[in-house]
Amino acid sequence: MTSEITLFVNPTAGRGRGARAARPAAAALRDAG
């Protein structure tokens, strides 16, 4: 989960599959938060 948060903070860091994982992760964090 740490990688997803890092990518959410820095989308440029993971432009590949990381960005894809960060998208749903960000939505989940918004729902949880």
C-alpha atoms as a PDB file:
ATOM      1  CA  MET A   1       0.000   0.000   0.000  1.00  0.00           C
ATOM      2  CA  THR A   2       2.970   2.277   0.597  1.00  0.00           C
ATOM      3  CA  SER A   3       3.876   2.219  -3.085  1.00  0.00           C
ATOM      4  CA  GLU A   4       0.347   3.190  -4.060  1.00  0.00           C
ATOM      5  CA  ILE A   5       0.383   6.125  -1.651  1.00  0.00           C
ATOM      6  CA  THR A   6       3.793   7.215  -2.937  1.00  0.00           C
ATOM      7  CA  LEU A   7       2.557   7.048  -6.512  1.00  0.00           C
ATOM      8  CA  PHE A   8      -0.565   8.947  -5.537  1.00  0.00           C
ATOM      9  CA  VAL A   9       1.628  11.704  -4.124  1.00  0.00           C
ATOM     10  CA  ASN A  10       4.046  11.498  -7.058  1.00  0.00           C
ATOM     11  CA  PRO A  11       2.143  10.339 -10.158  1.00  0.00           C
ATOM     12  CA  THR A  12       5.199  11.132 -12.272  1.00  0.00           C
ATOM     13  CA  ALA A  13       7.211   8.575 -10.286  1.00  0.00           C
ATOM     14  CA  GLY A  14       4.998   5.725 -11.495  1.00  0.00           C
ATOM     15  CA  ARG A  15       3.640   6.571 -14.899  1.00  0.00           C
ATOM     16  CA  GLY A  16       3.211   2.912 -15.887  1.00  0.00           C
ATOM     17  CA  ARG A  17       1.331   0.257 -13.936  1.00  0.00           C
ATOM     18  CA  GLY A  18       1.972   2.247 -10.767  1.00  0.00           C
ATOM     19  CA  ALA A  19      -0.277   5.062 -11.973  1.00  0.00           C
ATOM     20  CA  ARG A  20      -2.971   2.517 -12.762  1.00  0.00           C
ATOM     21  CA  ALA A  21      -2.767   1.161  -9.215  1.00  0.00           C
ATOM     22  CA  ALA A  22      -2.673   4.658  -7.744  1.00  0.00           C
ATOM     23  CA  ARG A  23      -5.936   5.659  -9.425  1.00  0.00           C
ATOM     24  CA  PRO A  24      -8.189   3.138  -7.618  1.00  0.00           C
ATOM     25  CA  ALA A  25      -6.075   3.523  -4.481  1.00  0.00           C
ATOM     26  CA  ALA A  26      -6.687   7.271  -4.452  1.00  0.00           C
ATOM     27  CA  ALA A  27     -10.413   6.688  -4.890  1.00  0.00           C
ATOM     28  CA  ALA A  28     -10.375   4.191  -2.018  1.00  0.00           C
ATOM     29  CA  LEU A  29      -8.471   6.635   0.178  1.00  0.00           C
ATOM     30  CA  ARG A  30     -11.001   9.370  -0.614  1.00  0.00           C
ATOM     31  CA  ASP A  31     -13.840   7.014   0.285  1.00  0.00           C
ATOM     32  CA  ALA A  32     -12.133   5.924   3.505  1.00  0.00           C
ATOM     33  CA  GLY A  33     -11.005   9.431   4.418  1.00  0.00           C
END
